[in-house]
N, C-alpha and C. Protein backbone atom coordinates (compact mmCIF):
# COMPACT_ATOMS: atom_id res chain seq x y z
N MET A 1 -21.23 -27.84 -9.61
CA MET A 1 -21.22 -26.70 -8.71
C MET A 1 -19.83 -26.05 -8.64
N GLU A 2 -18.80 -26.89 -8.61
CA GLU A 2 -17.44 -26.35 -8.54
C GLU A 2 -17.08 -25.56 -9.79
N MET A 3 -17.57 -26.02 -10.94
CA MET A 3 -17.27 -25.33 -12.19
C MET A 3 -17.87 -23.93 -12.21
N ILE A 4 -19.04 -23.77 -11.66
CA ILE A 4 -19.67 -22.44 -11.62
C ILE A 4 -18.85 -21.50 -10.74
N ILE A 5 -18.36 -22.00 -9.62
CA ILE A 5 -17.53 -21.18 -8.73
C ILE A 5 -16.23 -20.79 -9.42
N ILE A 6 -15.63 -21.72 -10.13
CA ILE A 6 -14.39 -21.43 -10.86
C ILE A 6 -14.65 -20.40 -11.95
N TRP A 7 -15.76 -20.52 -12.69
CA TRP A 7 -16.09 -19.54 -13.73
C TRP A 7 -16.26 -18.14 -13.14
N ILE A 8 -16.96 -18.06 -12.02
CA ILE A 8 -17.18 -16.76 -11.39
C ILE A 8 -15.86 -16.18 -10.88
N LEU A 9 -15.02 -17.01 -10.28
CA LEU A 9 -13.72 -16.53 -9.79
C LEU A 9 -12.83 -16.05 -10.93
N MET A 10 -12.81 -16.77 -12.03
CA MET A 10 -12.01 -16.34 -13.19
C MET A 10 -12.54 -15.03 -13.75
N GLY A 11 -13.86 -14.87 -13.75
CA GLY A 11 -14.44 -13.62 -14.20
C GLY A 11 -14.05 -12.46 -13.30
N ILE A 12 -14.06 -12.69 -12.00
CA ILE A 12 -13.68 -11.63 -11.05
C ILE A 12 -12.20 -11.29 -11.18
N ILE A 13 -11.36 -12.30 -11.33
CA ILE A 13 -9.92 -12.05 -11.49
C ILE A 13 -9.66 -11.25 -12.75
N CYS A 14 -10.29 -11.63 -13.85
CA CYS A 14 -10.11 -10.88 -15.11
C CYS A 14 -10.64 -9.46 -14.99
N ALA A 15 -11.75 -9.27 -14.29
CA ALA A 15 -12.31 -7.92 -14.13
C ALA A 15 -11.38 -7.04 -13.32
N ILE A 16 -10.77 -7.57 -12.29
CA ILE A 16 -9.84 -6.79 -11.46
C ILE A 16 -8.62 -6.39 -12.26
N ILE A 17 -8.05 -7.33 -13.00
CA ILE A 17 -6.87 -7.01 -13.82
C ILE A 17 -7.22 -6.01 -14.90
N ALA A 18 -8.38 -6.17 -15.53
CA ALA A 18 -8.81 -5.25 -16.58
C ALA A 18 -8.99 -3.84 -16.04
N GLN A 19 -9.55 -3.72 -14.85
CA GLN A 19 -9.74 -2.40 -14.27
C GLN A 19 -8.40 -1.73 -13.98
N GLN A 20 -7.42 -2.49 -13.54
CA GLN A 20 -6.09 -1.94 -13.29
C GLN A 20 -5.42 -1.50 -14.58
N LYS A 21 -5.75 -2.14 -15.68
CA LYS A 21 -5.18 -1.79 -16.98
C LYS A 21 -6.05 -0.78 -17.73
N LYS A 22 -7.03 -0.21 -17.04
CA LYS A 22 -7.93 0.81 -17.58
C LYS A 22 -8.71 0.29 -18.78
N ARG A 23 -9.20 -0.94 -18.65
CA ARG A 23 -10.03 -1.55 -19.69
C ARG A 23 -11.41 -1.84 -19.12
N ASN A 24 -12.33 -2.28 -19.94
CA ASN A 24 -13.71 -2.50 -19.55
C ASN A 24 -13.81 -3.72 -18.62
N ALA A 25 -14.03 -3.50 -17.34
CA ALA A 25 -14.05 -4.58 -16.36
C ALA A 25 -15.25 -5.51 -16.54
N ILE A 26 -16.38 -4.97 -16.90
CA ILE A 26 -17.59 -5.80 -17.06
C ILE A 26 -17.43 -6.75 -18.25
N GLY A 27 -16.94 -6.24 -19.35
CA GLY A 27 -16.71 -7.08 -20.52
C GLY A 27 -15.70 -8.18 -20.25
N TRP A 28 -14.62 -7.82 -19.55
CA TRP A 28 -13.60 -8.81 -19.23
C TRP A 28 -14.07 -9.80 -18.17
N PHE A 29 -15.03 -9.41 -17.33
CA PHE A 29 -15.61 -10.37 -16.41
C PHE A 29 -16.29 -11.50 -17.18
N PHE A 30 -17.10 -11.12 -18.17
CA PHE A 30 -17.81 -12.13 -18.95
C PHE A 30 -16.86 -12.96 -19.81
N LEU A 31 -15.83 -12.32 -20.35
CA LEU A 31 -14.84 -13.08 -21.11
C LEU A 31 -14.09 -14.05 -20.20
N GLY A 32 -13.74 -13.59 -19.00
CA GLY A 32 -13.06 -14.46 -18.05
C GLY A 32 -13.92 -15.61 -17.59
N ALA A 33 -15.20 -15.35 -17.41
CA ALA A 33 -16.11 -16.42 -16.99
C ALA A 33 -16.34 -17.41 -18.11
N GLY A 34 -16.36 -16.94 -19.33
CA GLY A 34 -16.65 -17.82 -20.46
C GLY A 34 -15.44 -18.57 -20.99
N PHE A 35 -14.29 -17.89 -21.01
CA PHE A 35 -13.11 -18.50 -21.63
C PHE A 35 -11.96 -18.71 -20.65
N ALA A 36 -12.17 -18.47 -19.40
CA ALA A 36 -11.27 -18.73 -18.28
C ALA A 36 -9.80 -18.43 -18.58
N ILE A 37 -8.97 -19.43 -18.67
CA ILE A 37 -7.52 -19.26 -18.76
C ILE A 37 -7.11 -18.50 -20.02
N ILE A 38 -7.78 -18.73 -21.12
CA ILE A 38 -7.41 -18.06 -22.38
C ILE A 38 -7.55 -16.55 -22.24
N SER A 39 -8.67 -16.09 -21.69
CA SER A 39 -8.87 -14.64 -21.55
C SER A 39 -7.92 -14.06 -20.52
N LEU A 40 -7.58 -14.80 -19.49
CA LEU A 40 -6.63 -14.32 -18.49
C LEU A 40 -5.25 -14.14 -19.11
N ILE A 41 -4.82 -15.07 -19.92
CA ILE A 41 -3.51 -14.95 -20.58
C ILE A 41 -3.50 -13.77 -21.54
N VAL A 42 -4.56 -13.62 -22.32
CA VAL A 42 -4.64 -12.49 -23.26
C VAL A 42 -4.60 -11.17 -22.50
N LEU A 43 -5.34 -11.08 -21.43
CA LEU A 43 -5.41 -9.85 -20.64
C LEU A 43 -4.07 -9.50 -20.02
N LEU A 44 -3.34 -10.50 -19.58
CA LEU A 44 -2.03 -10.24 -18.97
C LEU A 44 -1.03 -9.67 -19.98
N PHE A 45 -1.19 -10.01 -21.26
CA PHE A 45 -0.27 -9.52 -22.27
C PHE A 45 -0.70 -8.19 -22.90
N LEU A 46 -1.93 -7.75 -22.65
CA LEU A 46 -2.38 -6.48 -23.19
C LEU A 46 -1.74 -5.32 -22.43
N PRO A 47 -1.35 -4.25 -23.12
CA PRO A 47 -0.77 -3.11 -22.43
C PRO A 47 -1.85 -2.28 -21.71
N THR A 48 -1.42 -1.51 -20.75
CA THR A 48 -2.32 -0.59 -20.06
C THR A 48 -2.68 0.56 -20.99
N LEU A 49 -3.95 0.89 -21.05
CA LEU A 49 -4.39 2.01 -21.88
C LEU A 49 -4.05 3.33 -21.20
N GLU A 50 -3.56 4.25 -21.99
CA GLU A 50 -3.27 5.58 -21.47
C GLU A 50 -4.41 6.51 -21.84
N GLU A 51 -4.71 7.40 -20.95
CA GLU A 51 -5.77 8.36 -21.23
C GLU A 51 -5.21 9.45 -22.14
N THR A 52 -5.86 9.64 -23.28
CA THR A 52 -5.40 10.62 -24.25
C THR A 52 -6.51 11.60 -24.59
N MET A 53 -6.11 12.67 -25.24
CA MET A 53 -7.03 13.67 -25.75
C MET A 53 -6.44 14.21 -27.05
N PRO A 54 -7.24 14.79 -27.91
CA PRO A 54 -6.67 15.35 -29.14
C PRO A 54 -5.99 16.68 -28.86
N CYS A 55 -4.88 16.92 -29.54
CA CYS A 55 -4.19 18.22 -29.44
C CYS A 55 -5.12 19.29 -29.99
N PRO A 56 -5.23 20.43 -29.30
CA PRO A 56 -6.13 21.49 -29.79
C PRO A 56 -5.71 22.08 -31.14
N PHE A 57 -4.44 21.88 -31.53
CA PHE A 57 -3.95 22.48 -32.76
C PHE A 57 -3.90 21.50 -33.93
N CYS A 58 -3.31 20.31 -33.72
CA CYS A 58 -3.15 19.37 -34.84
C CYS A 58 -4.10 18.17 -34.76
N LYS A 59 -4.83 18.05 -33.66
CA LYS A 59 -5.82 16.99 -33.44
C LYS A 59 -5.23 15.58 -33.32
N GLU A 60 -3.92 15.46 -33.17
CA GLU A 60 -3.29 14.15 -32.94
C GLU A 60 -3.48 13.76 -31.48
N PRO A 61 -3.56 12.47 -31.15
CA PRO A 61 -3.75 12.07 -29.75
C PRO A 61 -2.48 12.30 -28.92
N ILE A 62 -2.67 12.90 -27.75
CA ILE A 62 -1.57 13.14 -26.81
C ILE A 62 -2.06 12.77 -25.41
N LYS A 63 -1.14 12.61 -24.47
CA LYS A 63 -1.53 12.31 -23.10
C LYS A 63 -2.27 13.49 -22.49
N LYS A 64 -3.22 13.19 -21.59
CA LYS A 64 -4.05 14.26 -21.01
C LYS A 64 -3.24 15.26 -20.20
N ASP A 65 -2.15 14.85 -19.58
CA ASP A 65 -1.38 15.75 -18.74
C ASP A 65 -0.26 16.46 -19.50
N ALA A 66 -0.20 16.30 -20.83
CA ALA A 66 0.85 16.94 -21.63
C ALA A 66 0.60 18.44 -21.74
N THR A 67 1.68 19.19 -21.80
CA THR A 67 1.58 20.64 -22.02
C THR A 67 2.19 21.04 -23.36
N ILE A 68 2.96 20.13 -23.97
CA ILE A 68 3.54 20.35 -25.30
C ILE A 68 3.16 19.16 -26.17
N CYS A 69 2.65 19.44 -27.35
CA CYS A 69 2.28 18.37 -28.27
C CYS A 69 3.54 17.77 -28.88
N LYS A 70 3.63 16.43 -28.86
CA LYS A 70 4.82 15.78 -29.41
C LYS A 70 4.79 15.73 -30.94
N HIS A 71 3.63 16.06 -31.54
CA HIS A 71 3.51 16.01 -32.99
C HIS A 71 3.79 17.37 -33.63
N CYS A 72 3.21 18.43 -33.07
CA CYS A 72 3.35 19.75 -33.68
C CYS A 72 4.14 20.72 -32.81
N ASN A 73 4.57 20.28 -31.62
CA ASN A 73 5.35 21.08 -30.66
C ASN A 73 4.62 22.34 -30.18
N SER A 74 3.31 22.34 -30.24
CA SER A 74 2.53 23.48 -29.73
C SER A 74 2.49 23.42 -28.21
N VAL A 75 2.56 24.58 -27.61
CA VAL A 75 2.47 24.69 -26.16
C VAL A 75 1.08 25.20 -25.82
N PHE A 76 0.42 24.57 -24.87
CA PHE A 76 -0.92 24.99 -24.50
C PHE A 76 -1.15 24.76 -23.02
N LYS A 77 -2.10 25.53 -22.50
CA LYS A 77 -2.48 25.41 -21.10
C LYS A 77 -3.84 24.74 -21.03
N LYS A 78 -4.10 24.15 -19.90
CA LYS A 78 -5.38 23.47 -19.72
C LYS A 78 -6.37 24.36 -19.04
């Protein structure tokens, strides 16, 4: 019984951290429940995902709030 509670708690902890890092919380819940400490360590070392979009001119990925493309130096409005 205690092991089931620990698995669920590890899944919840991994899901919360994953959501803060803008990753799939449901997937990380199951990974945390299944692989406990290993998935928690991996998740802690993963970087936070940034929201990007393609530049309207060169199609390279840029941040959503950018007004100048860092690849082609095009200026655009949203």
